[in-house]
PDB file of N, CA and C in Angstrom:
ATOM      1  N   THR A   1      28.919 -86.394  23.602  1.00  0.00           N
ATOM      2  CA  THR A   1      29.240 -84.971  23.553  1.00  0.00           C
ATOM      3  C   THR A   1      29.257 -84.430  22.122  1.00  0.00           C
ATOM      4  N   GLU A   2      28.998 -85.269  21.172  1.00  0.00           N
ATOM      5  CA  GLU A   2      28.969 -84.813  19.788  1.00  0.00           C
ATOM      6  C   GLU A   2      27.568 -84.419  19.342  1.00  0.00           C
ATOM      7  N   GLY A   3      26.614 -84.481  20.249  1.00  0.00           N
ATOM      8  CA  GLY A   3      25.246 -84.119  19.917  1.00  0.00           C
ATOM      9  C   GLY A   3      24.450 -85.230  19.266  1.00  0.00           C
ATOM     10  N   LYS A   4      24.989 -86.438  19.321  1.00  0.00           N
ATOM     11  CA  LYS A   4      24.296 -87.557  18.694  1.00  0.00           C
ATOM     12  C   LYS A   4      23.395 -88.270  19.694  1.00  0.00           C
ATOM     13  N   VAL A   5      22.285 -88.772  19.192  1.00  0.00           N
ATOM     14  CA  VAL A   5      21.322 -89.489  20.024  1.00  0.00           C
ATOM     15  C   VAL A   5      21.916 -90.836  20.431  1.00  0.00           C
ATOM     16  N   THR A   6      21.897 -91.113  21.739  1.00  0.00           N
ATOM     17  CA  THR A   6      22.363 -92.406  22.239  1.00  0.00           C
ATOM     18  C   THR A   6      21.256 -93.161  22.965  1.00  0.00           C
ATOM     19  N   VAL A   7      20.164 -92.464  23.281  1.00  0.00           N
ATOM     20  CA  VAL A   7      18.996 -93.081  23.913  1.00  0.00           C
ATOM     21  C   VAL A   7      17.762 -92.391  23.333  1.00  0.00           C
ATOM     22  N   TRP A   8      16.768 -93.172  22.945  1.00  0.00           N
ATOM     23  CA  TRP A   8      15.498 -92.628  22.436  1.00  0.00           C
ATOM     24  C   TRP A   8      14.400 -93.393  23.134  1.00  0.00           C
ATOM     25  N   ASN A   9      13.663 -92.725  24.008  1.00  0.00           N
ATOM     26  CA  ASN A   9      12.691 -93.468  24.810  1.00  0.00           C
ATOM     27  C   ASN A   9      11.398 -93.758  24.046  1.00  0.00           C
ATOM     28  N   LYS A  10      10.626 -94.667  24.591  1.00  0.00           N
ATOM     29  CA  LYS A  10       9.406 -95.124  23.925  1.00  0.00           C
ATOM     30  C   LYS A  10       8.379 -94.011  23.766  1.00  0.00           C
ATOM     31  N   CYS A  11       8.334 -93.106  24.713  1.00  0.00           N
ATOM     32  CA  CYS A  11       7.391 -91.990  24.622  1.00  0.00           C
ATOM     33  C   CYS A  11       7.760 -91.082  23.443  1.00  0.00           C
ATOM     34  N   ALA A  12       9.033 -90.785  23.281  1.00  0.00           N
ATOM     35  CA  ALA A  12       9.481 -89.972  22.146  1.00  0.00           C
ATOM     36  C   ALA A  12       9.167 -90.683  20.835  1.00  0.00           C
ATOM     37  N   ALA A  13       9.353 -91.989  20.795  1.00  0.00           N
ATOM     38  CA  ALA A  13       9.051 -92.768  19.597  1.00  0.00           C
ATOM     39  C   ALA A  13       7.559 -92.692  19.265  1.00  0.00           C
ATOM     40  N   ARG A  14       6.732 -92.840  20.275  1.00  0.00           N
ATOM     41  CA  ARG A  14       5.285 -92.805  20.061  1.00  0.00           C
ATOM     42  C   ARG A  14       4.829 -91.426  19.584  1.00  0.00           C
ATOM     43  N   LEU A  15       5.371 -90.364  20.171  1.00  0.00           N
ATOM     44  CA  LEU A  15       4.954 -89.008  19.817  1.00  0.00           C
ATOM     45  C   LEU A  15       5.425 -88.576  18.435  1.00  0.00           C
ATOM     46  N   THR A  16       6.624 -88.994  18.057  1.00  0.00           N
ATOM     47  CA  THR A  16       7.222 -88.504  16.815  1.00  0.00           C
ATOM     48  C   THR A  16       7.117 -89.466  15.640  1.00  0.00           C
ATOM     49  N   GLY A  17       6.956 -90.745  15.931  1.00  0.00           N
ATOM     50  CA  GLY A  17       6.960 -91.742  14.866  1.00  0.00           C
ATOM     51  C   GLY A  17       8.340 -92.266  14.546  1.00  0.00           C
ATOM     52  N   TYR A  18       9.376 -91.647  15.098  1.00  0.00           N
ATOM     53  CA  TYR A  18      10.750 -92.120  14.905  1.00  0.00           C
ATOM     54  C   TYR A  18      11.029 -93.263  15.878  1.00  0.00           C
ATOM     55  N   THR A  19      11.546 -94.355  15.376  1.00  0.00           N
ATOM     56  CA  THR A  19      11.935 -95.459  16.242  1.00  0.00           C
ATOM     57  C   THR A  19      13.330 -95.199  16.796  1.00  0.00           C
ATOM     58  N   GLU A  20      13.714 -95.994  17.765  1.00  0.00           N
ATOM     59  CA  GLU A  20      15.066 -95.898  18.300  1.00  0.00           C
ATOM     60  C   GLU A  20      16.094 -96.104  17.183  1.00  0.00           C
ATOM     61  N   GLU A  21      15.814 -97.037  16.288  1.00  0.00           N
ATOM     62  CA  GLU A  21      16.738 -97.305  15.174  1.00  0.00           C
ATOM     63  C   GLU A  21      16.855 -96.103  14.237  1.00  0.00           C
ATOM     64  N   ASP A  22      15.773 -95.329  14.082  1.00  0.00           N
ATOM     65  CA  ASP A  22      15.789 -94.137  13.228  1.00  0.00           C
ATOM     66  C   ASP A  22      16.703 -93.054  13.778  1.00  0.00           C
ATOM     67  N   THR A  23      16.818 -92.988  15.101  1.00  0.00           N
ATOM     68  CA  THR A  23      17.489 -91.852  15.722  1.00  0.00           C
ATOM     69  C   THR A  23      18.906 -92.126  16.228  1.00  0.00           C
ATOM     70  N   MET A  24      19.192 -93.354  16.595  1.00  0.00           N
ATOM     71  CA  MET A  24      20.481 -93.664  17.220  1.00  0.00           C
ATOM     72  C   MET A  24      21.653 -93.261  16.323  1.00  0.00           C
ATOM     73  N   GLY A  25      22.569 -92.495  16.918  1.00  0.00           N
ATOM     74  CA  GLY A  25      23.763 -92.073  16.201  1.00  0.00           C
ATOM     75  C   GLY A  25      23.580 -90.859  15.312  1.00  0.00           C
ATOM     76  N   HIS A  26      22.360 -90.345  15.226  1.00  0.00           N
ATOM     77  CA  HIS A  26      22.091 -89.165  14.413  1.00  0.00           C
ATOM     78  C   HIS A  26      22.145 -87.913  15.280  1.00  0.00           C
ATOM     79  N   HIS A  27      22.487 -86.797  14.674  1.00  0.00           N
ATOM     80  CA  HIS A  27      22.612 -85.536  15.397  1.00  0.00           C
ATOM     81  C   HIS A  27      21.224 -85.000  15.749  1.00  0.00           C
ATOM     82  N   LEU A  28      20.975 -84.802  17.039  1.00  0.00           N
ATOM     83  CA  LEU A  28      19.650 -84.408  17.513  1.00  0.00           C
ATOM     84  C   LEU A  28      19.195 -83.080  16.928  1.00  0.00           C
ATOM     85  N   THR A  29      19.959 -82.017  17.130  1.00  0.00           N
ATOM     86  CA  THR A  29      19.456 -80.691  16.758  1.00  0.00           C
ATOM     87  C   THR A  29      19.358 -80.501  15.255  1.00  0.00           C
ATOM     88  N   SER A  30      20.267 -81.037  14.491  1.00  0.00           N
ATOM     89  CA  SER A  30      20.210 -80.792  13.047  1.00  0.00           C
ATOM     90  C   SER A  30      19.190 -81.668  12.334  1.00  0.00           C
ATOM     91  N   GLN A  31      18.789 -82.789  12.945  1.00  0.00           N
ATOM     92  CA  GLN A  31      17.902 -83.706  12.240  1.00  0.00           C
ATOM     93  C   GLN A  31      16.494 -83.823  12.825  1.00  0.00           C
ATOM     94  N   PHE A  32      16.308 -83.468  14.082  1.00  0.00           N
ATOM     95  CA  PHE A  32      15.005 -83.709  14.701  1.00  0.00           C
ATOM     96  C   PHE A  32      14.369 -82.475  15.324  1.00  0.00           C
ATOM     97  N   ILE A  33      15.056 -81.355  15.282  1.00  0.00           N
ATOM     98  CA  ILE A  33      14.545 -80.111  15.861  1.00  0.00           C
ATOM     99  C   ILE A  33      14.191 -79.162  14.726  1.00  0.00           C
ATOM    100  N   THR A  34      13.069 -78.456  14.862  1.00  0.00           N
ATOM    101  CA  THR A  34      12.693 -77.503  13.821  1.00  0.00           C
ATOM    102  C   THR A  34      13.764 -76.419  13.706  1.00  0.00           C
ATOM    103  N   GLU A  35      13.934 -75.926  12.501  1.00  0.00           N
ATOM    104  CA  GLU A  35      15.020 -74.983  12.220  1.00  0.00           C
ATOM    105  C   GLU A  35      14.994 -73.762  13.139  1.00  0.00           C
ATOM    106  N   ASP A  36      13.811 -73.276  13.451  1.00  0.00           N
ATOM    107  CA  ASP A  36      13.698 -72.073  14.269  1.00  0.00           C
ATOM    108  C   ASP A  36      14.107 -72.288  15.727  1.00  0.00           C
ATOM    109  N   PHE A  37      14.271 -73.537  16.162  1.00  0.00           N
ATOM    110  CA  PHE A  37      14.659 -73.818  17.546  1.00  0.00           C
ATOM    111  C   PHE A  37      16.032 -74.478  17.660  1.00  0.00           C
ATOM    112  N   ARG A  38      16.682 -74.754  16.551  1.00  0.00           N
ATOM    113  CA  ARG A  38      17.960 -75.482  16.605  1.00  0.00           C
ATOM    114  C   ARG A  38      19.005 -74.781  17.458  1.00  0.00           C
ATOM    115  N   ALA A  39      19.186 -73.498  17.276  1.00  0.00           N
ATOM    116  CA  ALA A  39      20.224 -72.768  18.018  1.00  0.00           C
ATOM    117  C   ALA A  39      19.925 -72.756  19.516  1.00  0.00           C
ATOM    118  N   SER A  40      18.672 -72.513  19.891  1.00  0.00           N
ATOM    119  CA  SER A  40      18.356 -72.433  21.321  1.00  0.00           C
ATOM    120  C   SER A  40      18.437 -73.800  21.989  1.00  0.00           C
ATOM    121  N   VAL A  41      18.017 -74.867  21.308  1.00  0.00           N
ATOM    122  CA  VAL A  41      18.144 -76.214  21.882  1.00  0.00           C
ATOM    123  C   VAL A  41      19.614 -76.578  22.006  1.00  0.00           C
ATOM    124  N   GLN A  42      20.408 -76.254  20.999  1.00  0.00           N
ATOM    125  CA  GLN A  42      21.841 -76.551  21.059  1.00  0.00           C
ATOM    126  C   GLN A  42      22.491 -75.807  22.220  1.00  0.00           C
ATOM    127  N   GLU A  43      22.058 -74.581  22.460  1.00  0.00           N
ATOM    128  CA  GLU A  43      22.595 -73.797  23.578  1.00  0.00           C
ATOM    129  C   GLU A  43      22.287 -74.468  24.924  1.00  0.00           C
ATOM    130  N   VAL A  44      21.063 -74.966  25.085  1.00  0.00           N
ATOM    131  CA  VAL A  44      20.681 -75.664  26.316  1.00  0.00           C
ATOM    132  C   VAL A  44      21.552 -76.911  26.500  1.00  0.00           C
ATOM    133  N   LEU A  45      21.749 -77.672  25.419  1.00  0.00           N
ATOM    134  CA  LEU A  45      22.580 -78.874  25.496  1.00  0.00           C
ATOM    135  C   LEU A  45      24.039 -78.528  25.786  1.00  0.00           C
ATOM    136  N   ASP A  46      24.541 -77.484  25.157  1.00  0.00           N
ATOM    137  CA  ASP A  46      25.926 -77.056  25.399  1.00  0.00           C
ATOM    138  C   ASP A  46      26.130 -76.633  26.849  1.00  0.00           C
ATOM    139  N   ARG A  47      25.145 -75.927  27.413  1.00  0.00           N
ATOM    140  CA  ARG A  47      25.250 -75.522  28.816  1.00  0.00           C
ATOM    141  C   ARG A  47      25.285 -76.749  29.728  1.00  0.00           C
ATOM    142  N   ALA A  48      24.465 -77.766  29.409  1.00  0.00           N
ATOM    143  CA  ALA A  48      24.470 -78.990  30.220  1.00  0.00           C
ATOM    144  C   ALA A  48      25.834 -79.676  30.141  1.00  0.00           C
ATOM    145  N   LEU A  49      26.487 -79.591  28.998  1.00  0.00           N
ATOM    146  CA  LEU A  49      27.832 -80.162  28.864  1.00  0.00           C
ATOM    147  C   LEU A  49      28.856 -79.409  29.712  1.00  0.00           C
ATOM    148  N   GLN A  50      28.517 -78.187  30.095  1.00  0.00           N
ATOM    149  CA  GLN A  50      29.371 -77.391  30.978  1.00  0.00           C
ATOM    150  C   GLN A  50      28.949 -77.532  32.441  1.00  0.00           C
ATOM    151  N   GLY A  51      27.954 -78.404  32.699  1.00  0.00           N
ATOM    152  CA  GLY A  51      27.496 -78.630  34.064  1.00  0.00           C
ATOM    153  C   GLY A  51      26.363 -77.728  34.497  1.00  0.00           C
ATOM    154  N   LYS A  52      25.818 -76.917  33.573  1.00  0.00           N
ATOM    155  CA  LYS A  52      24.718 -75.995  33.891  1.00  0.00           C
ATOM    156  C   LYS A  52      23.429 -76.592  33.348  1.00  0.00           C
ATOM    157  N   GLU A  53      22.640 -77.167  34.232  1.00  0.00           N
ATOM    158  CA  GLU A  53      21.448 -77.895  33.821  1.00  0.00           C
ATOM    159  C   GLU A  53      20.253 -76.968  33.620  1.00  0.00           C
ATOM    160  N   THR A  54      19.332 -77.384  32.755  1.00  0.00           N
ATOM    161  CA  THR A  54      18.133 -76.608  32.429  1.00  0.00           C
ATOM    162  C   THR A  54      16.911 -77.485  32.609  1.00  0.00           C
ATOM    163  N   ALA A  55      15.873 -76.939  33.227  1.00  0.00           N
ATOM    164  CA  ALA A  55      14.626 -77.682  33.420  1.00  0.00           C
ATOM    165  C   ALA A  55      13.497 -77.024  32.637  1.00  0.00           C
ATOM    166  N   ASN A  56      12.622 -77.856  32.095  1.00  0.00           N
ATOM    167  CA  ASN A  56      11.380 -77.419  31.457  1.00  0.00           C
ATOM    168  C   ASN A  56      11.574 -76.427  30.309  1.00  0.00           C
ATOM    169  N   PHE A  57      12.523 -76.738  29.418  1.00  0.00           N
ATOM    170  CA  PHE A  57      12.713 -75.939  28.212  1.00  0.00           C
ATOM    171  C   PHE A  57      11.811 -76.524  27.130  1.00  0.00           C
ATOM    172  N   GLU A  58      10.867 -75.735  26.641  1.00  0.00           N
ATOM    173  CA  GLU A  58       9.900 -76.231  25.668  1.00  0.00           C
ATOM    174  C   GLU A  58      10.367 -75.954  24.244  1.00  0.00           C
ATOM    175  N   PHE A  59      10.248 -76.980  23.399  1.00  0.00           N
ATOM    176  CA  PHE A  59      10.621 -76.831  21.991  1.00  0.00           C
ATOM    177  C   PHE A  59       9.903 -77.886  21.160  1.00  0.00           C
ATOM    178  N   PRO A  60       9.819 -77.683  19.840  1.00  0.00           N
ATOM    179  CA  PRO A  60       9.140 -78.661  18.995  1.00  0.00           C
ATOM    180  C   PRO A  60      10.106 -79.678  18.383  1.00  0.00           C
ATOM    181  N   LEU A  61       9.673 -80.933  18.363  1.00  0.00           N
ATOM    182  CA  LEU A  61      10.351 -81.978  17.606  1.00  0.00           C
ATOM    183  C   LEU A  61       9.591 -82.170  16.299  1.00  0.00           C
ATOM    184  N   VAL A  62      10.307 -82.451  15.238  1.00  0.00           N
ATOM    185  CA  VAL A  62       9.688 -82.748  13.954  1.00  0.00           C
ATOM    186  C   VAL A  62       9.239 -84.206  13.966  1.00  0.00           C
ATOM    187  N   THR A  63       8.045 -84.469  13.488  1.00  0.00           N
ATOM    188  CA  THR A  63       7.579 -85.851  13.419  1.00  0.00           C
ATOM    189  C   THR A  63       8.134 -86.523  12.160  1.00  0.00           C
ATOM    190  N   LYS A  64       8.114 -87.821  12.157  1.00  0.00           N
ATOM    191  CA  LYS A  64       8.694 -88.587  11.059  1.00  0.00           C
ATOM    192  C   LYS A  64       8.028 -88.264   9.723  1.00  0.00           C
ATOM    193  N   ASP A  65       6.727 -87.972   9.748  1.00  0.00           N
ATOM    194  CA  ASP A  65       6.047 -87.654   8.484  1.00  0.00           C
ATOM    195  C   ASP A  65       6.476 -86.304   7.908  1.00  0.00           C
ATOM    196  N   GLY A  66       7.195 -85.501   8.725  1.00  0.00           N
ATOM    197  CA  GLY A  66       7.721 -84.217   8.264  1.00  0.00           C
ATOM    198  C   GLY A  66       6.700 -83.101   8.174  1.00  0.00           C
ATOM    199  N   HIS A  67       5.450 -83.404   8.465  1.00  0.00           N
ATOM    200  CA  HIS A  67       4.397 -82.407   8.334  1.00  0.00           C
ATOM    201  C   HIS A  67       3.913 -81.862   9.669  1.00  0.00           C
ATOM    202  N   SER A  68       4.366 -82.446  10.761  1.00  0.00           N
ATOM    203  CA  SER A  68       3.859 -82.068  12.078  1.00  0.00           C
ATOM    204  C   SER A  68       5.004 -81.747  13.021  1.00  0.00           C
ATOM    205  N   ARG A  69       4.641 -81.047  14.071  1.00  0.00           N
ATOM    206  CA  ARG A  69       5.567 -80.755  15.162  1.00  0.00           C
ATOM    207  C   ARG A  69       4.910 -81.208  16.452  1.00  0.00           C
ATOM    208  N   VAL A  70       5.733 -81.681  17.376  1.00  0.00           N
ATOM    209  CA  VAL A  70       5.251 -82.089  18.695  1.00  0.00           C
ATOM    210  C   VAL A  70       6.008 -81.256  19.720  1.00  0.00           C
ATOM    211  N   GLU A  71       5.272 -80.527  20.551  1.00  0.00           N
ATOM    212  CA  GLU A  71       5.907 -79.718  21.587  1.00  0.00           C
ATOM    213  C   GLU A  71       6.330 -80.625  22.742  1.00  0.00           C
ATOM    214  N   VAL A  72       7.579 -80.523  23.157  1.00  0.00           N
ATOM    215  CA  VAL A  72       8.096 -81.329  24.263  1.00  0.00           C
ATOM    216  C   VAL A  72       8.819 -80.432  25.264  1.00  0.00           C
ATOM    217  N   LEU A  73       8.968 -80.945  26.468  1.00  0.00           N
ATOM    218  CA  LEU A  73       9.751 -80.256  27.496  1.00  0.00           C
ATOM    219  C   LEU A  73      11.070 -80.980  27.660  1.00  0.00           C
ATOM    220  N   LEU A  74      12.141 -80.227  27.656  1.00  0.00           N
ATOM    221  CA  LEU A  74      13.480 -80.785  27.826  1.00  0.00           C
ATOM    222  C   LEU A  74      14.002 -80.442  29.208  1.00  0.00           C
ATOM    223  N   ASN A  75      14.454 -81.449  29.912  1.00  0.00           N
ATOM    224  CA  ASN A  75      15.210 -81.268  31.146  1.00  0.00           C
ATOM    225  C   ASN A  75      16.615 -81.743  30.834  1.00  0.00           C
ATOM    226  N   ALA A  76      17.508 -80.814  30.541  1.00  0.00           N
ATOM    227  CA  ALA A  76      18.878 -81.156  30.150  1.00  0.00           C
ATOM    228  C   ALA A  76      19.728 -81.312  31.401  1.00  0.00           C
ATOM    229  N   THR A  77      20.125 -82.538  31.661  1.00  0.00           N
ATOM    230  CA  THR A  77      20.911 -82.877  32.843  1.00  0.00           C
ATOM    231  C   THR A  77      22.268 -83.397  32.414  1.00  0.00           C
ATOM    232  N   SER A  78      23.302 -82.945  33.070  1.00  0.00           N
ATOM    233  CA  SER A  78      24.649 -83.401  32.754  1.00  0.00           C
ATOM    234  C   SER A  78      24.815 -84.867  33.124  1.00  0.00           C
ATOM    235  N   ARG A  79      25.375 -85.653  32.219  1.00  0.00           N
ATOM    236  CA  ARG A  79      25.717 -87.054  32.505  1.00  0.00           C
ATOM    237  C   ARG A  79      27.182 -87.062  32.907  1.00  0.00           C
ATOM    238  N   ARG A  80      27.457 -87.641  34.077  1.00  0.00           N
ATOM    239  CA  ARG A  80      28.820 -87.609  34.617  1.00  0.00           C
ATOM    240  C   ARG A  80      29.370 -89.018  34.795  1.00  0.00           C
ATOM    241  N   ASP A  81      30.691 -89.119  34.702  1.00  0.00           N
ATOM    242  CA  ASP A  81      31.331 -90.414  34.953  1.00  0.00           C
ATOM    243  C   ASP A  81      31.565 -90.567  36.459  1.00  0.00           C
ATOM    244  N   VAL A  82      32.182 -91.665  36.872  1.00  0.00           N
ATOM    245  CA  VAL A  82      32.365 -91.938  38.297  1.00  0.00           C
ATOM    246  C   VAL A  82      33.252 -90.910  38.993  1.00  0.00           C
ATOM    247  N   GLU A  83      34.043 -90.188  38.212  1.00  0.00           N
ATOM    248  CA  GLU A  83      34.903 -89.147  38.791  1.00  0.00           C
ATOM    249  C   GLU A  83      34.284 -87.768  38.758  1.00  0.00           C
ATOM    250  N   GLY A  84      33.014 -87.701  38.298  1.00  0.00           N
ATOM    251  CA  GLY A  84      32.310 -86.420  38.290  1.00  0.00           C
ATOM    252  C   GLY A  84      32.505 -85.573  37.051  1.00  0.00           C
ATOM    253  N   ARG A  85      33.216 -86.078  36.060  1.00  0.00           N
ATOM    254  CA  ARG A  85      33.415 -85.324  34.824  1.00  0.00           C
ATOM    255  C   ARG A  85      32.185 -85.445  33.931  1.00  0.00           C
ATOM    256  N   VAL A  86      31.799 -84.347  33.299  1.00  0.00           N
ATOM    257  CA  VAL A  86      30.663 -84.366  32.391  1.00  0.00           C
ATOM    258  C   VAL A  86      31.068 -85.138  31.127  1.00  0.00           C
ATOM    259  N   VAL A  87      30.270 -86.139  30.790  1.00  0.00           N
ATOM    260  CA  VAL A  87      30.580 -86.969  29.615  1.00  0.00           C
ATOM    261  C   VAL A  87      29.432 -86.976  28.607  1.00  0.00           C
ATOM    262  N   GLY A  88      28.357 -86.267  28.903  1.00  0.00           N
ATOM    263  CA  GLY A  88      27.220 -86.215  27.995  1.00  0.00           C
ATOM    264  C   GLY A  88      26.047 -85.514  28.646  1.00  0.00           C
ATOM    265  N   VAL A  89      24.908 -85.599  27.974  1.00  0.00           N
ATOM    266  CA  VAL A  89      23.688 -84.935  28.448  1.00  0.00           C
ATOM    267  C   VAL A  89      22.553 -85.944  28.402  1.00  0.00           C
ATOM    268  N   VAL A  90      21.753 -85.944  29.448  1.00  0.00           N
ATOM    269  CA  VAL A  90      20.521 -86.696  29.464  1.00  0.00           C
ATOM    270  C   VAL A  90      19.415 -85.678  29.319  1.00  0.00           C
ATOM    271  N   GLY A  91      18.531 -85.905  28.352  1.00  0.00           N
ATOM    272  CA  GLY A  91      17.481 -84.923  28.135  1.00  0.00           C
ATOM    273  C   GLY A  91      16.184 -85.544  27.752  1.00  0.00           C
TER     274      GLY A  91
END
């Protein structure tokens, strides 16, 4: 719930050049999202933390070389514990 990356899939690694080790524990929106999309991506993630899920939100990720952007689709889904409480976001 702090906005830190806890899972980085192989497809994201291949597209961006960032390995799982590069991203784990780092803040997603401030470090991997282009500045012009940070607020809107954070809003989508915040809504998912409130239980309001979003499908097919398109935004650019910054590639590791810093010179490119990769357009991705985000499906922000609330991650819940066994009692149904929102404990994070899967995206």
